[in-house]
Amino acid sequence: MGRKIEIKKIEETTKRQVTFSKRRSSLLKKAEEIAICCDVDMLFVAFSPSGRLNKFCSQQRVEDMLQRYLNLPVERRLTYMNIS
């Protein structure tokens, strides 16, 4: 079993950037695994603390996935955001 860490913002800029860099590849790999194993369309977008874009899209075009999301009724879009 892994160790428990408190989830909170890392205040020190350098530590925050290093942590993001280390976790970014794991997040992108996990997004790809979920898309393949579960046969789902997946879009993951994150901006690093320095503003650099990181993304994974299981479809050919990110724009197509974003358009699918934007075409959902607003009520459905907002319910997807409530992840606990």
Protein backbone atom coordinates (compact mmCIF):
# COMPACT_ATOMS: atom_id res chain seq x y z
CA MET A 1 0.00 0.00 0.00
CA GLY A 2 1.27 3.48 -0.86
CA ARG A 3 1.96 6.23 1.58
CA LYS A 4 -0.65 8.89 2.25
CA ILE A 5 0.23 12.43 1.26
CA GLU A 6 -1.75 15.56 1.89
CA ILE A 7 -3.18 16.93 -1.34
CA LYS A 8 -2.55 20.67 -1.38
CA LYS A 9 -0.85 23.24 -3.57
CA ILE A 10 2.94 23.05 -3.52
CA GLU A 11 3.96 26.59 -2.65
CA GLU A 12 7.60 26.44 -3.79
CA THR A 13 7.67 27.10 -7.54
CA THR A 14 10.60 24.82 -8.34
CA LYS A 15 9.17 21.89 -6.39
CA ARG A 16 5.77 22.44 -8.04
CA GLN A 17 7.30 22.34 -11.54
CA VAL A 18 9.38 19.23 -10.75
CA THR A 19 6.34 17.44 -9.31
CA PHE A 20 4.27 18.30 -12.39
CA SER A 21 7.02 17.05 -14.70
CA LYS A 22 7.26 13.75 -12.81
CA ARG A 23 3.50 13.18 -12.72
CA ARG A 24 2.74 14.43 -16.23
CA SER A 25 4.05 11.37 -18.01
CA SER A 26 2.13 9.07 -15.66
CA LEU A 27 -1.09 10.98 -16.28
CA LEU A 28 -0.66 10.89 -20.05
CA LYS A 29 0.17 7.18 -19.98
CA LYS A 30 -2.87 6.44 -17.79
CA ALA A 31 -5.14 8.44 -20.13
CA GLU A 32 -3.89 6.39 -23.08
CA GLU A 33 -4.36 3.12 -21.18
CA ILE A 34 -7.95 4.00 -20.25
CA ALA A 35 -8.75 4.99 -23.83
CA ILE A 36 -7.39 1.71 -25.20
CA CYS A 37 -8.57 -0.73 -22.52
CA CYS A 38 -12.04 0.76 -22.10
CA ASP A 39 -12.56 1.79 -25.74
CA VAL A 40 -13.47 5.36 -24.79
CA ASP A 41 -12.73 8.66 -26.42
CA MET A 42 -10.32 10.49 -24.15
CA LEU A 43 -9.05 14.07 -24.07
CA PHE A 44 -6.59 15.19 -21.41
CA VAL A 45 -5.35 18.78 -21.40
CA ALA A 46 -3.07 20.35 -18.80
CA PHE A 47 -0.98 23.48 -18.67
CA SER A 48 2.26 23.27 -16.71
CA PRO A 49 3.08 25.89 -14.08
CA SER A 50 5.23 27.57 -16.73
CA GLY A 51 2.30 27.62 -19.19
CA ARG A 52 3.42 24.78 -21.48
CA LEU A 53 0.59 22.75 -23.01
CA ASN A 54 0.42 18.97 -22.43
CA LYS A 55 -2.30 16.93 -24.09
CA PHE A 56 -3.45 13.47 -25.03
CA CYS A 57 -6.30 12.82 -27.43
CA SER A 58 -7.49 9.36 -28.47
CA GLN A 59 -9.04 10.84 -31.62
CA GLN A 60 -7.31 12.38 -34.63
CA ARG A 61 -8.18 15.96 -33.70
CA VAL A 62 -8.43 17.68 -30.34
CA GLU A 63 -10.83 20.15 -31.96
CA ASP A 64 -13.32 17.33 -32.69
CA MET A 65 -13.31 16.21 -29.08
CA LEU A 66 -13.71 19.76 -27.80
CA GLN A 67 -16.60 20.32 -30.20
CA ARG A 68 -18.33 17.17 -28.91
CA TYR A 69 -18.00 18.53 -25.39
CA LEU A 70 -19.26 21.98 -26.35
CA ASN A 71 -22.25 20.45 -28.16
CA LEU A 72 -23.47 18.87 -24.91
CA PRO A 73 -26.23 20.76 -23.08
CA VAL A 74 -24.72 23.01 -20.42
CA GLU A 75 -26.34 20.97 -17.62
CA ARG A 76 -24.54 17.81 -18.78
CA ARG A 77 -21.22 19.60 -19.16
CA LEU A 78 -21.35 20.87 -15.60
CA THR A 79 -22.26 17.51 -14.08
CA TYR A 80 -19.10 15.96 -15.53
CA MET A 81 -17.01 18.49 -13.65
CA ASN A 82 -18.22 17.32 -10.20
CA ILE A 83 -15.56 14.69 -9.55
CA SER A 84 -14.91 13.82 -5.91
